[in-house]
Amino acid sequence: MKATVETMEPESLTDRSAWSVFSDLVKVRLTTLVLLTTLAGFYLATTDGMQVVLLLHTMVGTALLACGSSVLNQYLERHHDSLMPRTESRPLPAGLMHPERALWFGILLSVTGCFYTWFLVNLLTCILGTLTLALYIFVYTPLKRLTSFNTVVGAIPGALPPLMGWTAVRGSLDAGGWSLFLILFLWQLPHFLAIAWMYKEEYGAAGYVMLPNVDPSGKKTARHALLYTIFLLPCSLLPVHFNVAGSLYAVGASVLGAGFIWQAIKFSSALDRTRARHLFFYSIIYLPLLLLLMTFDKAF
């Protein structure tokens, strides 16, 4: 009989350093992306010079919330993670941490992040951070086993961090901040559809309902990915309309957007793992370059 996550023998910590276990538990790479988008939102909202102390508090509060969300997500998905080769080595499926300990650690990080952001940033940013946490844990996570629409729902909390950075400075939900939210929202959809296509067998075996699993032909997956990249191009120019960025950014965003569409077209024309991987890697390049263009344009 297959052992459960709670009863399986732990791996030796000599094979996995304490930092490796911690970084996997809080999803350091994902948290880093969250912080980069928060930083971008903060900087782009700034009008009278960078408020370094406020920036520090915003980043710490966001990091606590992001790490807490990741830990709680892994606690809830520990049994499903043990069924997927790409996630079976995570701390909980691998038996490197007791689930109850991870649960309380995630709660501690999340609650601390909420209060930290409330008292040291502002209430609106705290509300957005709490909303991000709630949507990710209580809505998106269970939806992954119920409907392929989970990808769209999950893109909402994923797009809120730059808006948190924006509200940390402005204290209000302005059009410029919403334009950043929309860019992040649309960017995530082809990004995660590419991942879902590459690992569709694993997702299916673990009980996750992803679009490639309910659409074996891949036609809907490809069509959705292409439509989202097409919508993203004009939406990526909204920061210019709202005076968040200028002409340099407009040119760069147009070129990057056209490249994203081209990768989606190639994926649509040949539904295979290689084209999906190309789309995925382009999405990874696209977002930091877009944010870099935006910040560079503002600075110069």
Protein backbone atom coordinates (compact mmCIF):
# COMPACT_ATOMS: atom_id res chain seq x y z
CA MET A 1 0.00 0.00 0.00
CA LYS A 2 1.31 3.45 -0.90
CA ALA A 3 2.29 5.44 2.19
CA THR A 4 0.53 8.69 2.91
CA VAL A 5 2.37 11.97 3.24
CA GLU A 6 1.85 11.84 7.02
CA THR A 7 3.24 8.30 7.47
CA MET A 8 6.04 8.06 4.92
CA GLU A 9 9.64 7.95 6.08
CA PRO A 10 11.40 11.34 5.85
CA GLU A 11 14.28 11.85 3.49
CA SER A 12 17.64 12.48 5.03
CA LEU A 13 18.39 16.17 5.48
CA THR A 14 21.96 15.38 4.44
CA ASP A 15 20.57 15.10 0.92
CA ARG A 16 18.60 18.33 1.15
CA SER A 17 20.00 21.36 2.96
CA ALA A 18 17.78 23.33 5.33
CA TRP A 19 17.85 26.25 2.88
CA SER A 20 16.80 23.99 0.02
CA VAL A 21 13.83 22.72 2.03
CA PHE A 22 12.83 26.24 3.09
CA SER A 23 13.20 27.69 -0.41
CA ASP A 24 11.04 24.92 -1.87
CA LEU A 25 8.42 25.36 0.84
CA VAL A 26 8.03 29.11 0.26
CA LYS A 27 8.59 28.81 -3.52
CA VAL A 28 11.48 31.27 -3.65
CA ARG A 29 11.39 31.72 -7.43
CA LEU A 30 7.66 32.47 -7.45
CA THR A 31 8.05 34.79 -4.45
CA THR A 32 10.89 36.59 -6.24
CA LEU A 33 8.64 37.18 -9.26
CA VAL A 34 5.90 38.50 -6.96
CA LEU A 35 8.37 40.91 -5.35
CA LEU A 36 9.69 42.10 -8.72
CA THR A 37 6.18 42.93 -9.94
CA THR A 38 5.43 44.64 -6.62
CA LEU A 39 8.63 46.66 -6.93
CA ALA A 40 7.68 47.66 -10.47
CA GLY A 41 4.24 48.81 -9.33
CA PHE A 42 5.78 50.78 -6.46
CA TYR A 43 8.37 52.51 -8.65
CA LEU A 44 5.92 53.34 -11.44
CA ALA A 45 3.51 54.89 -8.94
CA THR A 46 6.23 57.11 -7.45
CA THR A 47 6.10 60.78 -8.41
CA ASP A 48 8.16 62.64 -5.79
CA GLY A 49 11.21 60.47 -5.30
CA MET A 50 11.59 56.92 -4.02
CA GLN A 51 10.36 56.40 -0.45
CA VAL A 52 12.94 53.84 0.60
CA VAL A 53 11.52 52.99 4.03
CA LEU A 54 8.01 52.55 2.65
CA LEU A 55 9.40 50.41 -0.16
CA LEU A 56 11.19 48.19 2.37
CA HIS A 57 8.02 47.72 4.41
CA THR A 58 6.01 46.98 1.26
CA MET A 59 8.48 44.34 0.12
CA VAL A 60 8.68 42.68 3.54
CA GLY A 61 4.90 42.58 3.93
CA THR A 62 4.43 41.23 0.41
CA ALA A 63 7.15 38.62 0.92
CA LEU A 64 5.50 37.38 4.13
CA LEU A 65 2.13 37.07 2.40
CA ALA A 66 3.60 35.38 -0.67
CA CYS A 67 5.59 32.90 1.40
CA GLY A 68 2.58 32.18 3.61
CA SER A 69 0.40 31.56 0.56
CA SER A 70 2.94 29.15 -0.90
CA VAL A 71 3.26 27.15 2.32
CA LEU A 72 -0.52 26.88 2.78
CA ASN A 73 -0.94 25.92 -0.87
CA GLN A 74 1.58 23.12 -0.50
CA TYR A 75 -0.12 21.95 2.68
CA LEU A 76 -3.48 21.68 0.89
CA GLU A 77 -1.99 20.01 -2.18
CA ARG A 78 0.49 17.69 -0.46
CA HIS A 79 -1.30 14.47 -1.43
CA HIS A 80 -1.71 15.54 -5.06
CA ASP A 81 1.90 16.76 -5.22
CA SER A 82 3.05 13.27 -4.23
CA LEU A 83 1.46 11.93 -7.44
CA MET A 84 3.36 14.24 -9.81
CA PRO A 85 7.04 13.69 -10.68
CA ARG A 86 7.60 17.46 -10.99
CA THR A 87 6.30 18.10 -7.43
CA GLU A 88 6.91 14.86 -5.53
CA SER A 89 10.25 16.15 -4.19
CA ARG A 90 8.64 19.14 -2.47
CA PRO A 91 9.16 19.16 1.33
CA LEU A 92 5.75 17.77 2.34
CA PRO A 93 5.42 14.94 -0.21
CA ALA A 94 9.07 14.05 0.44
CA GLY A 95 8.44 13.86 4.19
CA LEU A 96 10.94 16.60 5.06
CA MET A 97 8.44 18.48 7.22
CA HIS A 98 5.38 17.34 9.14
CA PRO A 99 2.19 18.73 7.52
CA GLU A 100 0.85 20.19 10.77
CA ARG A 101 4.07 22.12 11.31
CA ALA A 102 3.88 23.48 7.76
CA LEU A 103 0.25 24.49 8.32
CA TRP A 104 1.06 26.56 11.40
CA PHE A 105 4.14 28.04 9.72
CA GLY A 106 2.00 29.13 6.76
CA ILE A 107 -0.63 30.63 9.06
CA LEU A 108 2.06 32.50 11.02
CA LEU A 109 3.62 33.97 7.88
CA SER A 110 0.23 34.96 6.45
CA VAL A 111 -1.15 36.60 9.59
CA THR A 112 2.14 38.41 10.22
CA GLY A 113 2.15 39.65 6.62
CA CYS A 114 -1.41 40.97 6.89
CA PHE A 115 -0.79 42.93 10.08
CA TYR A 116 2.67 44.08 8.97
CA THR A 117 1.25 45.51 5.75
CA TRP A 118 -1.70 47.09 7.58
CA PHE A 119 0.37 48.91 10.19
CA LEU A 120 3.52 49.74 8.22
CA VAL A 121 2.18 50.32 4.69
CA ASN A 122 -1.54 51.13 4.53
CA LEU A 123 -4.95 49.51 4.90
CA LEU A 124 -5.73 49.34 1.18
CA THR A 125 -2.53 47.45 0.41
CA CYS A 126 -3.28 45.13 3.32
CA ILE A 127 -6.76 44.45 1.92
CA LEU A 128 -5.31 43.66 -1.52
CA GLY A 129 -2.71 41.36 0.04
CA THR A 130 -5.33 39.56 2.10
CA LEU A 131 -7.54 39.24 -0.99
CA THR A 132 -4.61 37.76 -2.91
CA LEU A 133 -4.04 35.20 -0.15
CA ALA A 134 -7.74 34.31 0.15
CA LEU A 135 -8.28 33.91 -3.60
CA TYR A 136 -5.15 31.80 -4.00
CA ILE A 137 -5.79 29.47 -1.06
CA PHE A 138 -9.56 29.25 -0.74
CA VAL A 139 -10.70 29.69 -4.35
CA TYR A 140 -7.96 28.86 -6.86
CA THR A 141 -6.45 25.88 -5.03
CA PRO A 142 -9.70 23.85 -4.70
CA LEU A 143 -10.86 24.91 -8.19
CA LYS A 144 -7.85 23.16 -9.73
CA ARG A 145 -9.61 19.84 -9.05
CA LEU A 146 -13.03 21.01 -10.25
CA THR A 147 -12.79 23.05 -13.45
CA SER A 148 -10.30 24.09 -16.10
CA PHE A 149 -11.50 27.66 -15.49
CA ASN A 150 -9.14 27.61 -12.50
CA THR A 151 -6.39 29.11 -14.66
CA VAL A 152 -8.39 32.29 -15.26
CA VAL A 153 -9.38 32.53 -11.59
CA GLY A 154 -5.80 31.92 -10.46
CA ALA A 155 -4.56 34.75 -12.67
CA ILE A 156 -6.45 37.25 -10.49
CA PRO A 157 -4.36 36.83 -7.31
CA GLY A 158 -1.29 36.49 -9.51
CA ALA A 159 -1.94 39.94 -10.97
CA LEU A 160 -2.57 41.78 -7.69
CA PRO A 161 1.06 42.28 -6.45
CA PRO A 162 1.88 45.19 -8.84
CA LEU A 163 -1.37 46.80 -7.75
CA MET A 164 -0.22 46.39 -4.14
CA GLY A 165 3.01 48.18 -5.00
CA TRP A 166 0.99 50.93 -6.64
CA THR A 167 -1.40 51.42 -3.71
CA ALA A 168 1.50 51.40 -1.25
CA VAL A 169 2.57 54.71 -2.81
CA ARG A 170 -0.69 56.25 -3.99
CA GLY A 171 -3.08 54.88 -1.39
CA SER A 172 -5.74 54.56 -4.10
CA LEU A 173 -6.75 52.33 -7.00
CA ASP A 174 -5.86 54.44 -10.03
CA ALA A 175 -6.14 53.59 -13.72
CA GLY A 176 -2.36 53.28 -14.03
CA GLY A 177 -2.30 50.59 -11.36
CA TRP A 178 -5.18 48.73 -12.99
CA SER A 179 -3.30 48.73 -16.31
CA LEU A 180 -0.44 46.88 -14.61
CA PHE A 181 -2.94 44.43 -13.12
CA LEU A 182 -4.43 43.75 -16.55
CA ILE A 183 -1.02 43.12 -18.12
CA LEU A 184 -0.08 40.61 -15.41
CA PHE A 185 -3.49 38.96 -15.61
CA LEU A 186 -3.32 38.37 -19.37
CA TRP A 187 0.37 37.39 -19.32
CA GLN A 188 -0.24 34.52 -16.90
CA LEU A 189 -2.81 32.77 -19.10
CA PRO A 190 -0.61 31.69 -22.06
CA HIS A 191 2.23 31.15 -19.58
CA PHE A 192 0.27 28.62 -17.52
CA LEU A 193 -1.47 27.06 -20.52
CA ALA A 194 1.97 26.21 -21.89
CA ILE A 195 2.91 24.60 -18.56
CA ALA A 196 -0.39 22.71 -18.43
CA TRP A 197 0.21 21.37 -21.93
CA MET A 198 3.76 20.23 -21.17
CA TYR A 199 2.67 18.38 -18.02
CA LYS A 200 -0.89 17.41 -18.95
CA GLU A 201 -0.36 13.71 -18.18
CA GLU A 202 0.99 14.51 -14.71
CA TYR A 203 -1.83 16.95 -13.96
CA GLY A 204 -4.39 14.39 -15.08
CA ALA A 205 -2.86 11.61 -12.96
CA ALA A 206 -2.87 13.89 -9.90
CA GLY A 207 -6.54 14.78 -10.34
CA TYR A 208 -6.14 18.35 -11.58
CA VAL A 209 -8.60 19.59 -14.19
CA MET A 210 -6.57 21.63 -16.66
CA LEU A 211 -7.67 22.72 -20.13
CA PRO A 212 -5.31 20.31 -21.96
CA ASN A 213 -6.85 17.43 -19.97
CA VAL A 214 -10.44 18.24 -20.96
CA ASP A 215 -9.31 19.14 -24.50
CA PRO A 216 -7.12 16.21 -25.64
CA SER A 217 -6.86 17.60 -29.17
CA GLY A 218 -5.19 20.74 -27.84
CA LYS A 219 -7.17 22.98 -30.18
CA LYS A 220 -8.90 24.92 -27.39
CA THR A 221 -5.64 25.27 -25.47
CA ALA A 222 -3.87 26.69 -28.52
CA ARG A 223 -6.77 28.96 -29.42
CA HIS A 224 -7.00 30.36 -25.89
CA ALA A 225 -3.24 30.92 -25.70
CA LEU A 226 -3.30 32.78 -29.00
CA LEU A 227 -6.30 34.93 -28.06
CA TYR A 228 -4.74 35.93 -24.75
CA THR A 229 -1.48 36.99 -26.41
CA ILE A 230 -3.47 39.01 -28.98
CA PHE A 231 -5.44 40.76 -26.22
CA LEU A 232 -2.23 41.36 -24.28
CA LEU A 233 -0.59 43.47 -26.99
CA PRO A 234 -3.02 46.45 -26.94
CA CYS A 235 -3.48 46.12 -23.18
CA SER A 236 0.29 46.35 -22.71
CA LEU A 237 0.08 49.84 -24.26
CA LEU A 238 -2.42 51.12 -21.67
CA PRO A 239 0.38 52.42 -19.39
CA VAL A 240 1.25 54.85 -22.20
CA HIS A 241 -2.34 56.09 -22.32
CA PHE A 242 -2.34 56.63 -18.55
CA ASN A 243 1.08 58.39 -18.57
CA VAL A 244 2.83 55.61 -16.70
CA ALA A 245 5.26 55.05 -19.60
CA GLY A 246 6.20 56.78 -22.85
CA SER A 247 7.07 56.21 -26.49
CA LEU A 248 10.19 54.11 -25.87
CA TYR A 249 8.12 51.65 -23.89
CA ALA A 250 5.37 51.69 -26.53
CA VAL A 251 7.79 50.58 -29.25
CA GLY A 252 9.40 47.92 -27.08
CA ALA A 253 6.07 46.58 -25.81
CA SER A 254 4.78 46.32 -29.38
CA VAL A 255 7.82 44.32 -30.49
CA LEU A 256 7.67 42.03 -27.46
CA GLY A 257 3.93 41.56 -27.89
CA ALA A 258 4.31 40.66 -31.55
CA GLY A 259 6.92 38.07 -30.59
CA PHE A 260 4.57 36.60 -28.00
CA ILE A 261 1.79 36.31 -30.59
CA TRP A 262 4.21 34.65 -33.02
CA GLN A 263 5.16 32.03 -30.43
CA ALA A 264 1.47 31.34 -29.78
CA ILE A 265 0.85 30.98 -33.53
CA LYS A 266 3.72 28.49 -33.79
CA PHE A 267 2.27 26.54 -30.87
CA SER A 268 -1.14 26.51 -32.58
CA SER A 269 0.36 25.22 -35.82
CA ALA A 270 2.19 22.32 -34.16
CA LEU A 271 0.73 21.16 -30.86
CA ASP A 272 3.76 19.51 -29.35
CA ARG A 273 5.86 19.79 -26.21
CA THR A 274 8.68 21.63 -27.99
CA ARG A 275 6.43 24.46 -29.20
CA ALA A 276 4.77 24.64 -25.79
CA ARG A 277 8.21 24.93 -24.19
CA HIS A 278 9.15 27.74 -26.58
CA LEU A 279 5.96 29.60 -25.67
CA PHE A 280 6.68 29.06 -21.98
CA PHE A 281 10.26 30.32 -22.20
CA TYR A 282 9.23 33.34 -24.25
CA SER A 283 6.68 34.23 -21.58
CA ILE A 284 9.47 34.12 -18.98
CA ILE A 285 11.55 36.52 -21.07
CA TYR A 286 8.61 38.75 -22.00
CA LEU A 287 7.50 39.90 -18.55
CA PRO A 288 10.83 41.08 -17.04
CA LEU A 289 11.75 42.81 -20.31
CA LEU A 290 8.39 44.57 -20.40
CA LEU A 291 8.72 45.77 -16.80
CA LEU A 292 12.33 46.79 -17.41
CA LEU A 293 11.27 48.84 -20.43
CA MET A 294 8.57 50.51 -18.38
CA THR A 295 10.90 51.44 -15.53
CA PHE A 296 13.69 52.52 -17.90
CA ASP A 297 11.27 54.75 -19.80
CA LYS A 298 10.10 56.36 -16.57
CA ALA A 299 13.65 56.89 -15.33
CA PHE A 300 14.96 58.47 -18.53
